[in-house]
Amino acid sequence: MAKPSKKTEARQPSSYELMGGRIQKIINSPKAQRARDVTIHRSPDESATDWARFLEEVAETENVRVQHIEGDGVRLTWTVSAD
């Protein structure tokens, strides 16, 4: 006899997680990784609260420099520490 399947609804990602995924793809691109430099702008559909949270969190990251540019954009540069 077959066991009843447990159906769990997939949790929808939060707006912050969606934005984070978009930014992660940009940062992880081969071009950005080679240059260790990327410019990112807040998309019109992303909340200002999520954007501010992202900027606050990334500013606390060691070896990452955040330079604010015109509009809702930032230039991120980073170094790779030699462990």
PDB file of N, CA and C in Angstrom:
ATOM      1  N   MET A   1       0.852  -1.176   0.000  1.00  0.00           N
ATOM      2  CA  MET A   1       0.000   0.000   0.000  1.00  0.00           C
ATOM      3  C   MET A   1       0.896   1.238   0.000  1.00  0.00           C
ATOM      4  N   ALA A   2       0.562   2.178  -0.820  1.00  0.00           N
ATOM      5  CA  ALA A   2       1.364   3.400  -0.957  1.00  0.00           C
ATOM      6  C   ALA A   2       1.126   4.320   0.228  1.00  0.00           C
ATOM      7  N   LYS A   3       2.217   4.940   0.651  1.00  0.00           N
ATOM      8  CA  LYS A   3       2.115   5.906   1.747  1.00  0.00           C
ATOM      9  C   LYS A   3       1.580   7.218   1.204  1.00  0.00           C
ATOM     10  N   PRO A   4       0.775   7.889   1.988  1.00  0.00           N
ATOM     11  CA  PRO A   4       0.310   9.209   1.537  1.00  0.00           C
ATOM     12  C   PRO A   4       1.508  10.148   1.403  1.00  0.00           C
ATOM     13  N   SER A   5       1.511  10.893   0.337  1.00  0.00           N
ATOM     14  CA  SER A   5       2.630  11.818   0.126  1.00  0.00           C
ATOM     15  C   SER A   5       2.447  13.061   0.994  1.00  0.00           C
ATOM     16  N   LYS A   6       3.581  13.536   1.459  1.00  0.00           N
ATOM     17  CA  LYS A   6       3.552  14.775   2.240  1.00  0.00           C
ATOM     18  C   LYS A   6       3.747  15.922   1.269  1.00  0.00           C
ATOM     19  N   LYS A   7       2.733  16.696   1.133  1.00  0.00           N
ATOM     20  CA  LYS A   7       2.826  17.849   0.238  1.00  0.00           C
ATOM     21  C   LYS A   7       3.198  19.068   1.064  1.00  0.00           C
ATOM     22  N   THR A   8       4.313  19.631   0.697  1.00  0.00           N
ATOM     23  CA  THR A   8       4.718  20.868   1.347  1.00  0.00           C
ATOM     24  C   THR A   8       4.768  21.948   0.287  1.00  0.00           C
ATOM     25  N   GLU A   9       4.207  23.029   0.632  1.00  0.00           N
ATOM     26  CA  GLU A   9       4.219  24.140  -0.308  1.00  0.00           C
ATOM     27  C   GLU A   9       5.584  24.800  -0.285  1.00  0.00           C
ATOM     28  N   ALA A  10       6.097  25.054  -1.466  1.00  0.00           N
ATOM     29  CA  ALA A  10       7.388  25.733  -1.569  1.00  0.00           C
ATOM     30  C   ALA A  10       7.215  27.174  -1.103  1.00  0.00           C
ATOM     31  N   ARG A  11       8.122  27.580  -0.252  1.00  0.00           N
ATOM     32  CA  ARG A  11       8.071  28.954   0.247  1.00  0.00           C
ATOM     33  C   ARG A  11       8.541  29.892  -0.855  1.00  0.00           C
ATOM     34  N   GLN A  12       7.800  30.934  -1.059  1.00  0.00           N
ATOM     35  CA  GLN A  12       8.179  31.941  -2.044  1.00  0.00           C
ATOM     36  C   GLN A  12       9.329  32.771  -1.482  1.00  0.00           C
ATOM     37  N   PRO A  13      10.347  33.050  -2.309  1.00  0.00           N
ATOM     38  CA  PRO A  13      11.447  33.881  -1.810  1.00  0.00           C
ATOM     39  C   PRO A  13      10.955  35.297  -1.509  1.00  0.00           C
ATOM     40  N   SER A  14      11.552  35.889  -0.502  1.00  0.00           N
ATOM     41  CA  SER A  14      11.192  37.259  -0.136  1.00  0.00           C
ATOM     42  C   SER A  14      11.734  38.225  -1.186  1.00  0.00           C
ATOM     43  N   SER A  15      11.259  39.445  -1.143  1.00  0.00           N
ATOM     44  CA  SER A  15      11.747  40.454  -2.088  1.00  0.00           C
ATOM     45  C   SER A  15      13.242  40.683  -1.889  1.00  0.00           C
ATOM     46  N   TYR A  16      13.708  40.588  -0.653  1.00  0.00           N
ATOM     47  CA  TYR A  16      15.136  40.753  -0.368  1.00  0.00           C
ATOM     48  C   TYR A  16      15.939  39.603  -0.976  1.00  0.00           C
ATOM     49  N   GLU A  17      15.422  38.396  -0.861  1.00  0.00           N
ATOM     50  CA  GLU A  17      16.102  37.234  -1.436  1.00  0.00           C
ATOM     51  C   GLU A  17      16.150  37.312  -2.959  1.00  0.00           C
ATOM     52  N   LEU A  18      15.084  37.773  -3.571  1.00  0.00           N
ATOM     53  CA  LEU A  18      15.070  37.932  -5.028  1.00  0.00           C
ATOM     54  C   LEU A  18      16.101  38.960  -5.465  1.00  0.00           C
ATOM     55  N   MET A  19      16.151  40.077  -4.761  1.00  0.00           N
ATOM     56  CA  MET A  19      17.141  41.102  -5.078  1.00  0.00           C
ATOM     57  C   MET A  19      18.549  40.550  -4.869  1.00  0.00           C
ATOM     58  N   GLY A  20      18.752  39.839  -3.782  1.00  0.00           N
ATOM     59  CA  GLY A  20      20.052  39.243  -3.500  1.00  0.00           C
ATOM     60  C   GLY A  20      20.491  38.280  -4.585  1.00  0.00           C
ATOM     61  N   GLY A  21      19.558  37.501  -5.105  1.00  0.00           N
ATOM     62  CA  GLY A  21      19.876  36.584  -6.195  1.00  0.00           C
ATOM     63  C   GLY A  21      20.306  37.322  -7.451  1.00  0.00           C
ATOM     64  N   ARG A  22      19.627  38.412  -7.741  1.00  0.00           N
ATOM     65  CA  ARG A  22      19.981  39.224  -8.914  1.00  0.00           C
ATOM     66  C   ARG A  22      21.388  39.794  -8.750  1.00  0.00           C
ATOM     67  N   ILE A  23      21.670  40.337  -7.587  1.00  0.00           N
ATOM     68  CA  ILE A  23      22.976  40.942  -7.332  1.00  0.00           C
ATOM     69  C   ILE A  23      24.069  39.877  -7.323  1.00  0.00           C
ATOM     70  N   GLN A  24      23.769  38.728  -6.758  1.00  0.00           N
ATOM     71  CA  GLN A  24      24.750  37.640  -6.708  1.00  0.00           C
ATOM     72  C   GLN A  24      25.168  37.215  -8.116  1.00  0.00           C
ATOM     73  N   LYS A  25      24.215  37.139  -9.036  1.00  0.00           N
ATOM     74  CA  LYS A  25      24.537  36.779 -10.424  1.00  0.00           C
ATOM     75  C   LYS A  25      25.477  37.802 -11.049  1.00  0.00           C
ATOM     76  N   ILE A  26      25.241  39.069 -10.774  1.00  0.00           N
ATOM     77  CA  ILE A  26      26.090  40.133 -11.329  1.00  0.00           C
ATOM     78  C   ILE A  26      27.498  40.032 -10.753  1.00  0.00           C
ATOM     79  N   ILE A  27      27.593  39.884  -9.445  1.00  0.00           N
ATOM     80  CA  ILE A  27      28.898  39.822  -8.788  1.00  0.00           C
ATOM     81  C   ILE A  27      29.673  38.571  -9.200  1.00  0.00           C
ATOM     82  N   ASN A  28      28.972  37.473  -9.390  1.00  0.00           N
ATOM     83  CA  ASN A  28      29.635  36.216  -9.737  1.00  0.00           C
ATOM     84  C   ASN A  28      29.954  36.070 -11.217  1.00  0.00           C
ATOM     85  N   SER A  29      29.603  37.061 -12.018  1.00  0.00           N
ATOM     86  CA  SER A  29      29.910  36.967 -13.446  1.00  0.00           C
ATOM     87  C   SER A  29      31.424  36.934 -13.639  1.00  0.00           C
ATOM     88  N   PRO A  30      31.894  36.220 -14.654  1.00  0.00           N
ATOM     89  CA  PRO A  30      33.344  36.148 -14.893  1.00  0.00           C
ATOM     90  C   PRO A  30      33.998  37.522 -15.041  1.00  0.00           C
ATOM     91  N   LYS A  31      33.323  38.436 -15.720  1.00  0.00           N
ATOM     92  CA  LYS A  31      33.882  39.780 -15.920  1.00  0.00           C
ATOM     93  C   LYS A  31      34.078  40.492 -14.583  1.00  0.00           C
ATOM     94  N   ALA A  32      33.066  40.449 -13.725  1.00  0.00           N
ATOM     95  CA  ALA A  32      33.160  41.105 -12.416  1.00  0.00           C
ATOM     96  C   ALA A  32      34.218  40.436 -11.550  1.00  0.00           C
ATOM     97  N   GLN A  33      34.313  39.135 -11.624  1.00  0.00           N
ATOM     98  CA  GLN A  33      35.299  38.422 -10.814  1.00  0.00           C
ATOM     99  C   GLN A  33      36.726  38.741 -11.251  1.00  0.00           C
ATOM    100  N   ARG A  34      36.945  38.864 -12.547  1.00  0.00           N
ATOM    101  CA  ARG A  34      38.280  39.226 -13.032  1.00  0.00           C
ATOM    102  C   ARG A  34      38.663  40.630 -12.582  1.00  0.00           C
ATOM    103  N   ALA A  35      37.711  41.557 -12.699  1.00  0.00           N
ATOM    104  CA  ALA A  35      37.976  42.966 -12.374  1.00  0.00           C
ATOM    105  C   ALA A  35      37.884  43.251 -10.873  1.00  0.00           C
ATOM    106  N   ARG A  36      37.175  42.380 -10.153  1.00  0.00           N
ATOM    107  CA  ARG A  36      36.871  42.619  -8.734  1.00  0.00           C
ATOM    108  C   ARG A  36      36.225  43.991  -8.562  1.00  0.00           C
ATOM    109  N   ASP A  37      35.299  44.250  -9.454  1.00  0.00           N
ATOM    110  CA  ASP A  37      34.665  45.568  -9.539  1.00  0.00           C
ATOM    111  C   ASP A  37      33.322  45.391 -10.241  1.00  0.00           C
ATOM    112  N   VAL A  38      32.287  45.994  -9.692  1.00  0.00           N
ATOM    113  CA  VAL A  38      30.973  45.912 -10.320  1.00  0.00           C
ATOM    114  C   VAL A  38      30.152  47.138  -9.924  1.00  0.00           C
ATOM    115  N   THR A  39      29.326  47.598 -10.844  1.00  0.00           N
ATOM    116  CA  THR A  39      28.395  48.689 -10.564  1.00  0.00           C
ATOM    117  C   THR A  39      26.989  48.111 -10.584  1.00  0.00           C
ATOM    118  N   ILE A  40      26.240  48.401  -9.536  1.00  0.00           N
ATOM    119  CA  ILE A  40      24.894  47.851  -9.372  1.00  0.00           C
ATOM    120  C   ILE A  40      23.932  48.995  -9.083  1.00  0.00           C
ATOM    121  N   HIS A  41      22.762  48.924  -9.702  1.00  0.00           N
ATOM    122  CA  HIS A  41      21.702  49.903  -9.441  1.00  0.00           C
ATOM    123  C   HIS A  41      20.480  49.177  -8.902  1.00  0.00           C
ATOM    124  N   ARG A  42      19.754  49.860  -8.046  1.00  0.00           N
ATOM    125  CA  ARG A  42      18.488  49.306  -7.555  1.00  0.00           C
ATOM    126  C   ARG A  42      17.487  49.322  -8.693  1.00  0.00           C
ATOM    127  N   SER A  43      16.835  48.196  -8.904  1.00  0.00           N
ATOM    128  CA  SER A  43      15.791  48.124  -9.922  1.00  0.00           C
ATOM    129  C   SER A  43      14.549  48.851  -9.422  1.00  0.00           C
ATOM    130  N   PRO A  44      13.783  49.440 -10.320  1.00  0.00           N
ATOM    131  CA  PRO A  44      12.588  50.183  -9.901  1.00  0.00           C
ATOM    132  C   PRO A  44      11.592  49.334  -9.110  1.00  0.00           C
ATOM    133  N   ASP A  45      11.571  48.022  -9.353  1.00  0.00           N
ATOM    134  CA  ASP A  45      10.622  47.159  -8.655  1.00  0.00           C
ATOM    135  C   ASP A  45      11.144  46.651  -7.308  1.00  0.00           C
ATOM    136  N   GLU A  46      12.350  47.045  -6.927  1.00  0.00           N
ATOM    137  CA  GLU A  46      12.922  46.622  -5.652  1.00  0.00           C
ATOM    138  C   GLU A  46      12.690  47.702  -4.596  1.00  0.00           C
ATOM    139  N   SER A  47      12.411  47.263  -3.389  1.00  0.00           N
ATOM    140  CA  SER A  47      12.076  48.235  -2.342  1.00  0.00           C
ATOM    141  C   SER A  47      13.314  48.975  -1.847  1.00  0.00           C
ATOM    142  N   ALA A  48      13.099  50.223  -1.499  1.00  0.00           N
ATOM    143  CA  ALA A  48      14.180  51.043  -0.951  1.00  0.00           C
ATOM    144  C   ALA A  48      14.669  50.465   0.373  1.00  0.00           C
ATOM    145  N   THR A  49      13.781  49.841   1.126  1.00  0.00           N
ATOM    146  CA  THR A  49      14.155  49.221   2.396  1.00  0.00           C
ATOM    147  C   THR A  49      15.096  48.044   2.168  1.00  0.00           C
ATOM    148  N   ASP A  50      14.762  47.198   1.185  1.00  0.00           N
ATOM    149  CA  ASP A  50      15.635  46.067   0.857  1.00  0.00           C
ATOM    150  C   ASP A  50      16.993  46.563   0.378  1.00  0.00           C
ATOM    151  N   TRP A  51      16.989  47.599  -0.447  1.00  0.00           N
ATOM    152  CA  TRP A  51      18.238  48.153  -0.982  1.00  0.00           C
ATOM    153  C   TRP A  51      19.109  48.704   0.150  1.00  0.00           C
ATOM    154  N   ALA A  52      18.496  49.433   1.070  1.00  0.00           N
ATOM    155  CA  ALA A  52      19.240  49.991   2.202  1.00  0.00           C
ATOM    156  C   ALA A  52      19.814  48.876   3.072  1.00  0.00           C
ATOM    157  N   ARG A  53      19.053  47.819   3.273  1.00  0.00           N
ATOM    158  CA  ARG A  53      19.536  46.670   4.049  1.00  0.00           C
ATOM    159  C   ARG A  53      20.737  46.030   3.359  1.00  0.00           C
ATOM    160  N   PHE A  54      20.642  45.853   2.053  1.00  0.00           N
ATOM    161  CA  PHE A  54      21.762  45.287   1.296  1.00  0.00           C
ATOM    162  C   PHE A  54      23.012  46.148   1.452  1.00  0.00           C
ATOM    163  N   LEU A  55      22.864  47.456   1.270  1.00  0.00           N
ATOM    164  CA  LEU A  55      24.017  48.358   1.369  1.00  0.00           C
ATOM    165  C   LEU A  55      24.638  48.318   2.759  1.00  0.00           C
ATOM    166  N   GLU A  56      23.802  48.261   3.772  1.00  0.00           N
ATOM    167  CA  GLU A  56      24.296  48.195   5.148  1.00  0.00           C
ATOM    168  C   GLU A  56      25.083  46.903   5.376  1.00  0.00           C
ATOM    169  N   GLU A  57      24.540  45.799   4.894  1.00  0.00           N
ATOM    170  CA  GLU A  57      25.196  44.509   5.098  1.00  0.00           C
ATOM    171  C   GLU A  57      26.497  44.404   4.306  1.00  0.00           C
ATOM    172  N   VAL A  58      26.492  44.869   3.072  1.00  0.00           N
ATOM    173  CA  VAL A  58      27.706  44.754   2.261  1.00  0.00           C
ATOM    174  C   VAL A  58      28.793  45.695   2.774  1.00  0.00           C
ATOM    175  N   ALA A  59      28.405  46.827   3.331  1.00  0.00           N
ATOM    176  CA  ALA A  59      29.387  47.772   3.872  1.00  0.00           C
ATOM    177  C   ALA A  59      30.133  47.181   5.066  1.00  0.00           C
ATOM    178  N   GLU A  60      29.512  46.237   5.750  1.00  0.00           N
ATOM    179  CA  GLU A  60      30.131  45.588   6.900  1.00  0.00           C
ATOM    180  C   GLU A  60      31.038  44.427   6.498  1.00  0.00           C
ATOM    181  N   THR A  61      31.053  44.091   5.219  1.00  0.00           N
ATOM    182  CA  THR A  61      31.838  42.958   4.738  1.00  0.00           C
ATOM    183  C   THR A  61      33.302  43.349   4.593  1.00  0.00           C
ATOM    184  N   GLU A  62      34.151  42.542   5.163  1.00  0.00           N
ATOM    185  CA  GLU A  62      35.588  42.796   5.111  1.00  0.00           C
ATOM    186  C   GLU A  62      36.078  42.705   3.668  1.00  0.00           C
ATOM    187  N   ASN A  63      36.997  43.572   3.307  1.00  0.00           N
ATOM    188  CA  ASN A  63      37.638  43.613   1.984  1.00  0.00           C
ATOM    189  C   ASN A  63      36.714  44.082   0.859  1.00  0.00           C
ATOM    190  N   VAL A  64      35.566  44.682   1.208  1.00  0.00           N
ATOM    191  CA  VAL A  64      34.646  45.214   0.198  1.00  0.00           C
ATOM    192  C   VAL A  64      34.528  46.714   0.403  1.00  0.00           C
ATOM    193  N   ARG A  65      34.651  47.454  -0.688  1.00  0.00           N
ATOM    194  CA  ARG A  65      34.509  48.917  -0.649  1.00  0.00           C
ATOM    195  C   ARG A  65      33.231  49.282  -1.398  1.00  0.00           C
ATOM    196  N   VAL A  66      32.420  50.143  -0.809  1.00  0.00           N
ATOM    197  CA  VAL A  66      31.166  50.592  -1.410  1.00  0.00           C
ATOM    198  C   VAL A  66      31.302  52.068  -1.743  1.00  0.00           C
ATOM    199  N   GLN A  67      31.122  52.394  -3.013  1.00  0.00           N
ATOM    200  CA  GLN A  67      31.176  53.788  -3.456  1.00  0.00           C
ATOM    201  C   GLN A  67      29.812  54.136  -4.039  1.00  0.00           C
ATOM    202  N   HIS A  68      29.131  55.087  -3.415  1.00  0.00           N
ATOM    203  CA  HIS A  68      27.812  55.493  -3.903  1.00  0.00           C
ATOM    204  C   HIS A  68      27.988  56.335  -5.161  1.00  0.00           C
ATOM    205  N   ILE A  69      27.149  56.057  -6.143  1.00  0.00           N
ATOM    206  CA  ILE A  69      27.181  56.818  -7.385  1.00  0.00           C
ATOM    207  C   ILE A  69      25.805  57.408  -7.630  1.00  0.00           C
ATOM    208  N   GLU A  70      25.694  58.187  -8.667  1.00  0.00           N
ATOM    209  CA  GLU A  70      24.462  58.907  -8.965  1.00  0.00           C
ATOM    210  C   GLU A  70      23.248  57.980  -8.982  1.00  0.00           C
ATOM    211  N   GLY A  71      22.163  58.482  -8.448  1.00  0.00           N
ATOM    212  CA  GLY A  71      20.932  57.698  -8.412  1.00  0.00           C
ATOM    213  C   GLY A  71      21.016  56.614  -7.351  1.00  0.00           C
ATOM    214  N   ASP A  72      20.350  55.517  -7.609  1.00  0.00           N
ATOM    215  CA  ASP A  72      20.358  54.388  -6.675  1.00  0.00           C
ATOM    216  C   ASP A  72      21.404  53.364  -7.085  1.00  0.00           C
ATOM    217  N   GLY A  73      22.624  53.819  -7.271  1.00  0.00           N
ATOM    218  CA  GLY A  73      23.674  52.909  -7.699  1.00  0.00           C
ATOM    219  C   GLY A  73      24.851  52.897  -6.753  1.00  0.00           C
ATOM    220  N   VAL A  74      25.583  51.806  -6.800  1.00  0.00           N
ATOM    221  CA  VAL A  74      26.817  51.680  -6.036  1.00  0.00           C
ATOM    222  C   VAL A  74      27.852  50.955  -6.880  1.00  0.00           C
ATOM    223  N   ARG A  75      29.081  51.302  -6.619  1.00  0.00           N
ATOM    224  CA  ARG A  75      30.203  50.578  -7.215  1.00  0.00           C
ATOM    225  C   ARG A  75      30.832  49.774  -6.092  1.00  0.00           C
ATOM    226  N   LEU A  76      30.906  48.478  -6.287  1.00  0.00           N
ATOM    227  CA  LEU A  76      31.524  47.601  -5.311  1.00  0.00           C
ATOM    228  C   LEU A  76      32.870  47.151  -5.845  1.00  0.00           C
ATOM    229  N   THR A  77      33.881  47.275  -5.029  1.00  0.00           N
ATOM    230  CA  THR A  77      35.193  46.734  -5.356  1.00  0.00           C
ATOM    231  C   THR A  77      35.623  45.876  -4.177  1.00  0.00           C
ATOM    232  N   TRP A  78      36.415  44.876  -4.464  1.00  0.00           N
ATOM    233  CA  TRP A  78      36.829  43.982  -3.397  1.00  0.00           C
ATOM    234  C   TRP A  78      38.212  43.423  -3.666  1.00  0.00           C
ATOM    235  N   THR A  79      38.808  42.982  -2.589  1.00  0.00           N
ATOM    236  CA  THR A  79      40.105  42.324  -2.668  1.00  0.00           C
ATOM    237  C   THR A  79      39.938  40.918  -2.119  1.00  0.00           C
ATOM    238  N   VAL A  80      40.809  40.053  -2.554  1.00  0.00           N
ATOM    239  CA  VAL A  80      40.791  38.685  -2.060  1.00  0.00           C
ATOM    240  C   VAL A  80      41.941  38.553  -1.082  1.00  0.00           C
ATOM    241  N   SER A  81      41.606  38.211   0.137  1.00  0.00           N
ATOM    242  CA  SER A  81      42.653  38.101   1.156  1.00  0.00           C
ATOM    243  C   SER A  81      43.421  36.800   0.972  1.00  0.00           C
ATOM    244  N   ALA A  82      44.695  36.881   1.194  1.00  0.00           N
ATOM    245  CA  ALA A  82      45.544  35.693   1.118  1.00  0.00           C
ATOM    246  C   ALA A  82      45.542  35.017   2.479  1.00  0.00           C
ATOM    247  N   ASP A  83      44.900  33.874   2.550  1.00  0.00           N
ATOM    248  CA  ASP A  83      44.816  33.154   3.837  1.00  0.00           C
ATOM    249  C   ASP A  83      46.022  32.300   4.066  1.00  0.00           C
TER     250      ASP A  83
END
